[in-house]
């Protein structure tokens, strides 16, 4: 894997403990390719500890983010279980299973995340309300990059630098990132080189830019179309109400005019 140390560093600052990416694993997901995909990147990596991490960057946040991530986390558990049991056979024990991390970074997050507008990173692990301690394996981290941009104005820690790097192409942000963490200079230079030779970038990420979740994307498009249709119907209804109101006002004006004439006529006769 090219520059695996960079991904290791990113995961270290996100998870909050030192991790080393051992390898990028081939995709075994049954997610269908779709031309309307909202995925920018989706990779599964094995960490030095044996843990698995699914790292995904989304252009637009999918509907049902919790249910969707739970499904992919379960895939990672089964994948690790199958591999360990195949390797160790009769010596296999459930203690051989390591944590799995589902890490989702979203450029334009869905409405659930905007209900908590003062937080951009959300971490979840499973715990019991009684204090019972069991080693449960699934952890989730969601990062809303748009909310990060809205509420973060300084680069106080390395995670801030990474999130600016992933979410902003503003020159002033690039300068601030590289001043705070000079190592990012090399990353920005490589991006500039890729922009001059995009065919290399396409070749490098051909698999990771695969298009996923066809059904979810189509559902989101259908819902957007339904919302547009509803707004059009509301607009037509309002236009009809305005037309009726104008007719009512016109009728009242006519009544007032008749009353004015009647009063004028009576005044002439008195």
C-alpha atoms as a PDB file:
ATOM      1  CA  UNK A   1       0.000   0.000   0.000  1.00  0.00           C
ATOM      2  CA  UNK A   2       1.380   3.403  -1.023  1.00  0.00           C
ATOM      3  CA  UNK A   3       1.890   5.773   1.942  1.00  0.00           C
ATOM      4  CA  UNK A   4       0.177   3.472   4.418  1.00  0.00           C
ATOM      5  CA  UNK A   5       1.728   5.521   7.214  1.00  0.00           C
ATOM      6  CA  UNK A   6      -0.540   8.444   6.296  1.00  0.00           C
ATOM      7  CA  UNK A   7      -3.689   6.384   6.684  1.00  0.00           C
ATOM      8  CA  UNK A   8      -2.276   4.976   9.907  1.00  0.00           C
ATOM      9  CA  UNK A   9      -1.776   8.504  11.225  1.00  0.00           C
ATOM     10  CA  UNK A  10      -5.274   9.598  10.190  1.00  0.00           C
ATOM     11  CA  UNK A  11      -6.850   6.586  11.914  1.00  0.00           C
ATOM     12  CA  UNK A  12      -4.683   7.160  14.986  1.00  0.00           C
ATOM     13  CA  UNK A  13      -5.965  10.710  15.486  1.00  0.00           C
ATOM     14  CA  UNK A  14      -9.569   9.694  14.724  1.00  0.00           C
ATOM     15  CA  UNK A  15      -9.688   6.604  16.955  1.00  0.00           C
ATOM     16  CA  UNK A  16      -7.607   8.240  19.671  1.00  0.00           C
ATOM     17  CA  UNK A  17      -5.038   5.486  20.066  1.00  0.00           C
ATOM     18  CA  UNK A  18      -1.973   4.506  18.062  1.00  0.00           C
ATOM     19  CA  UNK A  19      -2.800   2.186  15.164  1.00  0.00           C
ATOM     20  CA  UNK A  20      -0.779   0.903  12.245  1.00  0.00           C
ATOM     21  CA  UNK A  21      -2.409  -0.143   8.997  1.00  0.00           C
ATOM     22  CA  UNK A  22      -1.106  -3.591   8.137  1.00  0.00           C
ATOM     23  CA  UNK A  23      -2.810  -3.987   4.756  1.00  0.00           C
ATOM     24  CA  UNK A  24      -5.735  -2.878   2.634  1.00  0.00           C
ATOM     25  CA  UNK A  25      -8.071  -5.821   2.224  1.00  0.00           C
ATOM     26  CA  UNK A  26      -9.857  -6.658  -1.027  1.00  0.00           C
ATOM     27  CA  UNK A  27     -13.506  -5.752  -1.071  1.00  0.00           C
ATOM     28  CA  UNK A  28     -15.874  -8.618  -0.358  1.00  0.00           C
ATOM     29  CA  UNK A  29     -18.918  -6.429  -0.041  1.00  0.00           C
ATOM     30  CA  UNK A  30     -22.018  -7.216  -2.052  1.00  0.00           C
ATOM     31  CA  UNK A  31     -22.850  -3.542  -2.405  1.00  0.00           C
ATOM     32  CA  UNK A  32     -23.950  -2.901  -5.949  1.00  0.00           C
ATOM     33  CA  UNK A  33     -22.285  -0.421  -8.272  1.00  0.00           C
ATOM     34  CA  UNK A  34     -24.457   2.514  -9.250  1.00  0.00           C
ATOM     35  CA  UNK A  35     -23.677   5.406 -11.528  1.00  0.00           C
ATOM     36  CA  UNK A  36     -25.356   7.787  -9.099  1.00  0.00           C
ATOM     37  CA  UNK A  37     -23.122   6.748  -6.178  1.00  0.00           C
ATOM     38  CA  UNK A  38     -22.518   9.199  -3.366  1.00  0.00           C
ATOM     39  CA  UNK A  39     -19.332   7.428  -2.227  1.00  0.00           C
ATOM     40  CA  UNK A  40     -15.950   9.114  -2.676  1.00  0.00           C
ATOM     41  CA  UNK A  41     -13.850   6.399  -1.038  1.00  0.00           C
ATOM     42  CA  UNK A  42     -14.521   3.114   0.733  1.00  0.00           C
ATOM     43  CA  UNK A  43     -11.698   0.845   1.938  1.00  0.00           C
ATOM     44  CA  UNK A  44     -11.316  -1.930   4.486  1.00  0.00           C
ATOM     45  CA  UNK A  45      -7.988  -2.097   6.295  1.00  0.00           C
ATOM     46  CA  UNK A  46      -6.443  -4.515   8.752  1.00  0.00           C
ATOM     47  CA  UNK A  47      -4.640  -2.906  11.667  1.00  0.00           C
ATOM     48  CA  UNK A  48      -1.505  -4.208  13.315  1.00  0.00           C
ATOM     49  CA  UNK A  49      -3.582  -5.478  16.246  1.00  0.00           C
ATOM     50  CA  UNK A  50      -5.697  -7.583  13.900  1.00  0.00           C
ATOM     51  CA  UNK A  51      -8.666  -5.230  14.162  1.00  0.00           C
ATOM     52  CA  UNK A  52     -10.521  -4.278  11.004  1.00  0.00           C
ATOM     53  CA  UNK A  53     -11.601  -0.775  10.022  1.00  0.00           C
ATOM     54  CA  UNK A  54     -13.972   0.264   7.278  1.00  0.00           C
ATOM     55  CA  UNK A  55     -13.109   3.857   6.303  1.00  0.00           C
ATOM     56  CA  UNK A  56     -15.649   5.583   4.110  1.00  0.00           C
ATOM     57  CA  UNK A  57     -15.897   9.133   2.783  1.00  0.00           C
ATOM     58  CA  UNK A  58     -19.299  10.169   1.439  1.00  0.00           C
ATOM     59  CA  UNK A  59     -20.080  13.139  -0.793  1.00  0.00           C
ATOM     60  CA  UNK A  60     -23.642  13.326   0.551  1.00  0.00           C
ATOM     61  CA  UNK A  61     -24.794  11.483   3.655  1.00  0.00           C
ATOM     62  CA  UNK A  62     -26.907   8.414   2.988  1.00  0.00           C
ATOM     63  CA  UNK A  63     -30.345   7.875   4.439  1.00  0.00           C
ATOM     64  CA  UNK A  64     -30.505   5.445   7.385  1.00  0.00           C
ATOM     65  CA  UNK A  65     -26.853   6.009   8.403  1.00  0.00           C
ATOM     66  CA  UNK A  66     -27.169   4.002  11.617  1.00  0.00           C
ATOM     67  CA  UNK A  67     -28.804   0.938  10.110  1.00  0.00           C
ATOM     68  CA  UNK A  68     -26.495   1.013   7.105  1.00  0.00           C
ATOM     69  CA  UNK A  69     -23.325   1.238   9.212  1.00  0.00           C
ATOM     70  CA  UNK A  70     -24.546  -1.546  11.518  1.00  0.00           C
ATOM     71  CA  UNK A  71     -24.871  -3.828   8.499  1.00  0.00           C
ATOM     72  CA  UNK A  72     -21.330  -3.084   7.308  1.00  0.00           C
ATOM     73  CA  UNK A  73     -19.948  -3.457  10.833  1.00  0.00           C
ATOM     74  CA  UNK A  74     -21.575  -6.875  11.019  1.00  0.00           C
ATOM     75  CA  UNK A  75     -19.938  -7.743   7.693  1.00  0.00           C
ATOM     76  CA  UNK A  76     -16.550  -6.927   9.228  1.00  0.00           C
ATOM     77  CA  UNK A  77     -17.246  -9.167  12.241  1.00  0.00           C
ATOM     78  CA  UNK A  78     -18.215 -12.119  10.037  1.00  0.00           C
ATOM     79  CA  UNK A  79     -15.254 -11.499   7.751  1.00  0.00           C
ATOM     80  CA  UNK A  80     -12.820 -11.545  10.681  1.00  0.00           C
ATOM     81  CA  UNK A  81     -14.519 -14.607  12.170  1.00  0.00           C
ATOM     82  CA  UNK A  82     -14.251 -16.554   8.899  1.00  0.00           C
ATOM     83  CA  UNK A  83     -10.573 -15.654   8.472  1.00  0.00           C
ATOM     84  CA  UNK A  84      -9.566 -16.501  12.034  1.00  0.00           C
ATOM     85  CA  UNK A  85     -11.453 -19.774  12.034  1.00  0.00           C
ATOM     86  CA  UNK A  86      -9.889 -20.734   8.709  1.00  0.00           C
ATOM     87  CA  UNK A  87      -6.387 -19.947  10.003  1.00  0.00           C
ATOM     88  CA  UNK A  88      -6.610 -21.506  13.465  1.00  0.00           C
ATOM     89  CA  UNK A  89      -9.142 -24.245  12.784  1.00  0.00           C
ATOM     90  CA  UNK A  90      -9.707 -26.229  16.013  1.00  0.00           C
ATOM     91  CA  UNK A  91      -7.533 -23.829  17.984  1.00  0.00           C
ATOM     92  CA  UNK A  92      -9.891 -20.966  17.166  1.00  0.00           C
ATOM     93  CA  UNK A  93     -11.314 -19.073  20.120  1.00  0.00           C
ATOM     94  CA  UNK A  94     -13.627 -16.085  20.198  1.00  0.00           C
ATOM     95  CA  UNK A  95     -10.920 -14.220  22.098  1.00  0.00           C
ATOM     96  CA  UNK A  96      -9.029 -14.164  18.770  1.00  0.00           C
ATOM     97  CA  UNK A  97     -11.540 -11.647  17.439  1.00  0.00           C
ATOM     98  CA  UNK A  98     -10.493  -7.995  17.576  1.00  0.00           C
ATOM     99  CA  UNK A  99     -12.522  -4.799  17.470  1.00  0.00           C
ATOM    100  CA  UNK A 100     -13.987  -3.570  14.212  1.00  0.00           C
ATOM    101  CA  UNK A 101     -14.280   0.142  13.512  1.00  0.00           C
ATOM    102  CA  UNK A 102     -16.731   1.694  11.105  1.00  0.00           C
ATOM    103  CA  UNK A 103     -15.508   5.211  10.337  1.00  0.00           C
ATOM    104  CA  UNK A 104     -17.667   7.427   8.145  1.00  0.00           C
ATOM    105  CA  UNK A 105     -16.681  10.941   7.064  1.00  0.00           C
ATOM    106  CA  UNK A 106     -19.469  12.871   5.344  1.00  0.00           C
ATOM    107  CA  UNK A 107     -18.945  16.010   3.270  1.00  0.00           C
ATOM    108  CA  UNK A 108     -22.635  17.004   3.329  1.00  0.00           C
ATOM    109  CA  UNK A 109     -24.182  15.293   6.331  1.00  0.00           C
ATOM    110  CA  UNK A 110     -27.816  14.230   6.651  1.00  0.00           C
ATOM    111  CA  UNK A 111     -30.369  15.957   8.866  1.00  0.00           C
ATOM    112  CA  UNK A 112     -29.766  13.667  11.860  1.00  0.00           C
ATOM    113  CA  UNK A 113     -26.340  15.228  12.370  1.00  0.00           C
ATOM    114  CA  UNK A 114     -27.658  18.791  12.084  1.00  0.00           C
ATOM    115  CA  UNK A 115     -29.923  18.165  15.060  1.00  0.00           C
ATOM    116  CA  UNK A 116     -26.701  18.433  17.107  1.00  0.00           C
ATOM    117  CA  UNK A 117     -25.157  21.460  15.370  1.00  0.00           C
ATOM    118  CA  UNK A 118     -22.398  22.051  17.916  1.00  0.00           C
ATOM    119  CA  UNK A 119     -20.748  18.619  17.487  1.00  0.00           C
ATOM    120  CA  UNK A 120     -19.073  17.253  14.364  1.00  0.00           C
ATOM    121  CA  UNK A 121     -17.578  13.959  15.587  1.00  0.00           C
ATOM    122  CA  UNK A 122     -19.676  11.217  17.130  1.00  0.00           C
ATOM    123  CA  UNK A 123     -18.174   8.064  18.688  1.00  0.00           C
ATOM    124  CA  UNK A 124     -20.183   5.043  19.745  1.00  0.00           C
ATOM    125  CA  UNK A 125     -19.335   1.808  21.544  1.00  0.00           C
ATOM    126  CA  UNK A 126     -21.668  -0.736  23.060  1.00  0.00           C
ATOM    127  CA  UNK A 127     -22.125  -0.744  26.851  1.00  0.00           C
ATOM    128  CA  UNK A 128     -24.571  -2.216  29.334  1.00  0.00           C
ATOM    129  CA  UNK A 129     -26.660   0.006  31.608  1.00  0.00           C
ATOM    130  CA  UNK A 130     -25.975  -2.273  34.592  1.00  0.00           C
ATOM    131  CA  UNK A 131     -22.206  -1.936  34.534  1.00  0.00           C
ATOM    132  CA  UNK A 132     -21.733  -5.458  33.188  1.00  0.00           C
ATOM    133  CA  UNK A 133     -18.389  -5.562  31.398  1.00  0.00           C
ATOM    134  CA  UNK A 134     -18.182  -7.672  28.248  1.00  0.00           C
ATOM    135  CA  UNK A 135     -15.778  -7.238  25.356  1.00  0.00           C
ATOM    136  CA  UNK A 136     -18.143  -6.141  22.594  1.00  0.00           C
ATOM    137  CA  UNK A 137     -16.394  -5.580  19.311  1.00  0.00           C
ATOM    138  CA  UNK A 138     -18.240  -2.980  17.244  1.00  0.00           C
ATOM    139  CA  UNK A 139     -17.379   0.708  17.391  1.00  0.00           C
ATOM    140  CA  UNK A 140     -18.581   3.545  15.173  1.00  0.00           C
ATOM    141  CA  UNK A 141     -17.208   6.986  14.419  1.00  0.00           C
ATOM    142  CA  UNK A 142     -19.130   9.514  12.331  1.00  0.00           C
ATOM    143  CA  UNK A 143     -17.545  12.813  11.284  1.00  0.00           C
ATOM    144  CA  UNK A 144     -19.700  15.529   9.698  1.00  0.00           C
ATOM    145  CA  UNK A 145     -17.208  17.596   7.701  1.00  0.00           C
ATOM    146  CA  UNK A 146     -19.721  20.349   6.903  1.00  0.00           C
ATOM    147  CA  UNK A 147     -20.479  20.903  10.596  1.00  0.00           C
ATOM    148  CA  UNK A 148     -16.736  20.814  11.302  1.00  0.00           C
ATOM    149  CA  UNK A 149     -16.303  23.647   8.790  1.00  0.00           C
ATOM    150  CA  UNK A 150     -19.108  25.648  10.404  1.00  0.00           C
ATOM    151  CA  UNK A 151     -17.955  25.466  14.025  1.00  0.00           C
ATOM    152  CA  UNK A 152     -14.156  25.054  13.830  1.00  0.00           C
ATOM    153  CA  UNK A 153     -12.084  28.159  13.155  1.00  0.00           C
ATOM    154  CA  UNK A 154      -8.673  27.197  14.527  1.00  0.00           C
ATOM    155  CA  UNK A 155      -6.243  24.337  14.063  1.00  0.00           C
ATOM    156  CA  UNK A 156      -5.669  23.349  17.677  1.00  0.00           C
ATOM    157  CA  UNK A 157      -4.826  19.689  17.132  1.00  0.00           C
ATOM    158  CA  UNK A 158      -3.728  17.320  14.392  1.00  0.00           C
ATOM    159  CA  UNK A 159      -7.265  16.026  13.812  1.00  0.00           C
ATOM    160  CA  UNK A 160      -8.308  19.588  12.884  1.00  0.00           C
ATOM    161  CA  UNK A 161      -5.547  19.666  10.262  1.00  0.00           C
ATOM    162  CA  UNK A 162      -6.633  16.349   8.775  1.00  0.00           C
ATOM    163  CA  UNK A 163     -10.280  17.398   8.590  1.00  0.00           C
ATOM    164  CA  UNK A 164      -9.387  20.708   6.943  1.00  0.00           C
ATOM    165  CA  UNK A 165      -7.221  18.744   4.512  1.00  0.00           C
ATOM    166  CA  UNK A 166     -10.152  16.453   3.680  1.00  0.00           C
ATOM    167  CA  UNK A 167     -12.875  19.090   3.523  1.00  0.00           C
ATOM    168  CA  UNK A 168     -11.426  22.363   2.207  1.00  0.00           C
ATOM    169  CA  UNK A 169      -9.562  23.470  -0.899  1.00  0.00           C
ATOM    170  CA  UNK A 170      -9.424  27.126   0.128  1.00  0.00           C
ATOM    171  CA  UNK A 171      -5.881  28.542  -0.166  1.00  0.00           C
ATOM    172  CA  UNK A 172      -6.119  30.211   3.248  1.00  0.00           C
ATOM    173  CA  UNK A 173      -6.995  26.862   4.863  1.00  0.00           C
ATOM    174  CA  UNK A 174      -4.118  25.135   3.079  1.00  0.00           C
ATOM    175  CA  UNK A 175      -1.721  27.770   4.375  1.00  0.00           C
ATOM    176  CA  UNK A 176      -2.986  27.419   7.935  1.00  0.00           C
ATOM    177  CA  UNK A 177      -2.726  23.614   7.799  1.00  0.00           C
ATOM    178  CA  UNK A 178       0.829  23.608   6.438  1.00  0.00           C
ATOM    179  CA  UNK A 179       1.943  26.276   8.903  1.00  0.00           C
ATOM    180  CA  UNK A 180       0.616  24.243  11.812  1.00  0.00           C
ATOM    181  CA  UNK A 181       1.747  20.869  10.422  1.00  0.00           C
ATOM    182  CA  UNK A 182       4.439  21.212   7.712  1.00  0.00           C
ATOM    183  CA  UNK A 183       4.167  17.505   6.814  1.00  0.00           C
ATOM    184  CA  UNK A 184       0.928  18.280   4.971  1.00  0.00           C
ATOM    185  CA  UNK A 185       2.913  20.283   2.392  1.00  0.00           C
ATOM    186  CA  UNK A 186       3.879  17.072   0.640  1.00  0.00           C
ATOM    187  CA  UNK A 187       0.256  15.897   0.525  1.00  0.00           C
ATOM    188  CA  UNK A 188      -0.933  19.145  -1.038  1.00  0.00           C
ATOM    189  CA  UNK A 189       1.888  18.998  -3.584  1.00  0.00           C
ATOM    190  CA  UNK A 190       0.870  15.476  -4.581  1.00  0.00           C
ATOM    191  CA  UNK A 191      -2.750  16.552  -4.987  1.00  0.00           C
ATOM    192  CA  UNK A 192      -1.631  19.397  -7.251  1.00  0.00           C
ATOM    193  CA  UNK A 193       0.354  16.895  -9.318  1.00  0.00           C
ATOM    194  CA  UNK A 194      -2.649  14.581  -9.576  1.00  0.00           C
ATOM    195  CA  UNK A 195      -4.754  17.488 -10.814  1.00  0.00           C
ATOM    196  CA  UNK A 196      -2.252  18.000 -13.627  1.00  0.00           C
ATOM    197  CA  UNK A 197      -2.272  14.275 -14.439  1.00  0.00           C
ATOM    198  CA  UNK A 198      -5.730  13.012 -13.490  1.00  0.00           C
ATOM    199  CA  UNK A 199      -5.297   9.719 -15.368  1.00  0.00           C
ATOM    200  CA  UNK A 200      -2.813   8.611 -12.686  1.00  0.00           C
ATOM    201  CA  UNK A 201      -5.291   9.361  -9.929  1.00  0.00           C
ATOM    202  CA  UNK A 202      -8.016   7.441 -11.742  1.00  0.00           C
ATOM    203  CA  UNK A 203      -5.731   4.450 -12.178  1.00  0.00           C
ATOM    204  CA  UNK A 204      -4.665   4.492  -8.526  1.00  0.00           C
ATOM    205  CA  UNK A 205      -8.158   4.651  -7.095  1.00  0.00           C
ATOM    206  CA  UNK A 206     -10.011   2.731  -9.760  1.00  0.00           C
ATOM    207  CA  UNK A 207     -11.324   0.165  -7.274  1.00  0.00           C
ATOM    208  CA  UNK A 208     -11.858   2.424  -4.277  1.00  0.00           C
ATOM    209  CA  UNK A 209     -13.919   4.807  -6.380  1.00  0.00           C
ATOM    210  CA  UNK A 210     -16.335   1.969  -7.209  1.00  0.00           C
ATOM    211  CA  UNK A 211     -19.976   3.037  -7.013  1.00  0.00           C
ATOM    212  CA  UNK A 212     -22.028   1.571  -4.220  1.00  0.00           C
ATOM    213  CA  UNK A 213     -25.476   1.381  -2.664  1.00  0.00           C
ATOM    214  CA  UNK A 214     -27.600   1.612  -5.798  1.00  0.00           C
ATOM    215  CA  UNK A 215     -30.876   1.033  -3.992  1.00  0.00           C
ATOM    216  CA  UNK A 216     -30.248   3.670  -1.332  1.00  0.00           C
ATOM    217  CA  UNK A 217     -29.211   6.263  -3.915  1.00  0.00           C
ATOM    218  CA  UNK A 218     -32.278   5.567  -6.044  1.00  0.00           C
ATOM    219  CA  UNK A 219     -34.494   5.865  -2.967  1.00  0.00           C
ATOM    220  CA  UNK A 220     -32.947   9.236  -2.123  1.00  0.00           C
ATOM    221  CA  UNK A 221     -33.479  10.462  -5.684  1.00  0.00           C
ATOM    222  CA  UNK A 222     -37.104   9.296  -5.608  1.00  0.00           C
ATOM    223  CA  UNK A 223     -37.656  11.095  -2.321  1.00  0.00           C
ATOM    224  CA  UNK A 224     -36.126  14.280  -3.731  1.00  0.00           C
ATOM    225  CA  UNK A 225     -38.393  14.039  -6.766  1.00  0.00           C
ATOM    226  CA  UNK A 226     -41.382  13.481  -4.485  1.00  0.00           C
ATOM    227  CA  UNK A 227     -40.371  16.553  -2.453  1.00  0.00           C
ATOM    228  CA  UNK A 228     -40.136  18.623  -5.658  1.00  0.00           C
ATOM    229  CA  UNK A 229     -43.570  17.384  -6.754  1.00  0.00           C
ATOM    230  CA  UNK A 230     -45.026  18.264  -3.318  1.00  0.00           C
ATOM    231  CA  UNK A 231     -43.537  21.762  -3.445  1.00  0.00           C
ATOM    232  CA  UNK A 232     -44.929  22.279  -6.938  1.00  0.00           C
ATOM    233  CA  UNK A 233     -48.393  21.216  -5.747  1.00  0.00           C
ATOM    234  CA  UNK A 234     -48.145  23.587  -2.787  1.00  0.00           C
ATOM    235  CA  UNK A 235     -47.111  26.416  -5.116  1.00  0.00           C
ATOM    236  CA  UNK A 236     -50.084  25.709  -7.391  1.00  0.00           C
ATOM    237  CA  UNK A 237     -52.404  25.608  -4.381  1.00  0.00           C
ATOM    238  CA  UNK A 238     -51.099  28.956  -3.159  1.00  0.00           C
ATOM    239  CA  UNK A 239     -51.529  30.445  -6.621  1.00  0.00           C
ATOM    240  CA  UNK A 240     -55.136  29.229  -6.639  1.00  0.00           C
ATOM    241  CA  UNK A 241     -55.710  30.688  -3.171  1.00  0.00           C
ATOM    242  CA  UNK A 242     -54.276  34.024  -4.315  1.00  0.00           C
ATOM    243  CA  UNK A 243     -56.507  33.964  -7.376  1.00  0.00           C
ATOM    244  CA  UNK A 244     -59.589  33.305  -5.215  1.00  0.00           C
ATOM    245  CA  UNK A 245     -58.560  36.028  -2.775  1.00  0.00           C
ATOM    246  CA  UNK A 246     -58.211  38.476  -5.657  1.00  0.00           C
ATOM    247  CA  UNK A 247     -61.683  37.553  -6.895  1.00  0.00           C
ATOM    248  CA  UNK A 248     -63.108  37.994  -3.404  1.00  0.00           C
ATOM    249  CA  UNK A 249     -61.426  41.395  -3.066  1.00  0.00           C
ATOM    250  CA  UNK A 250     -62.732  42.386  -6.461  1.00  0.00           C
ATOM    251  CA  UNK A 251     -66.283  41.357  -5.461  1.00  0.00           C
ATOM    252  CA  UNK A 252     -65.990  43.339  -2.221  1.00  0.00           C
ATOM    253  CA  UNK A 253     -64.715  46.352  -4.149  1.00  0.00           C
ATOM    254  CA  UNK A 254     -67.758  46.073  -6.386  1.00  0.00           C
ATOM    255  CA  UNK A 255     -70.059  45.862  -3.345  1.00  0.00           C
ATOM    256  CA  UNK A 256     -68.384  48.881  -1.788  1.00  0.00           C
ATOM    257  CA  UNK A 257     -68.732  50.798  -5.033  1.00  0.00           C
ATOM    258  CA  UNK A 258     -72.450  49.960  -5.226  1.00  0.00           C
ATOM    259  CA  UNK A 259     -72.880  50.984  -1.576  1.00  0.00           C
ATOM    260  CA  UNK A 260     -71.014  54.241  -2.218  1.00  0.00           C
ATOM    261  CA  UNK A 261     -73.258  55.022  -5.154  1.00  0.00           C
ATOM    262  CA  UNK A 262     -76.374  54.155  -3.154  1.00  0.00           C
ATOM    263  CA  UNK A 263     -75.284  56.450  -0.321  1.00  0.00           C
ATOM    264  CA  UNK A 264     -74.509  59.212  -2.780  1.00  0.00           C
ATOM    265  CA  UNK A 265     -77.919  58.818  -4.394  1.00  0.00           C
ATOM    266  CA  UNK A 266     -79.673  58.965  -1.026  1.00  0.00           C
ATOM    267  CA  UNK A 267     -77.709  62.086  -0.126  1.00  0.00           C
ATOM    268  CA  UNK A 268     -78.851  63.768  -3.335  1.00  0.00           C
ATOM    269  CA  UNK A 269     -82.495  62.944  -2.594  1.00  0.00           C
ATOM    270  CA  UNK A 270     -82.414  64.360   0.963  1.00  0.00           C
END
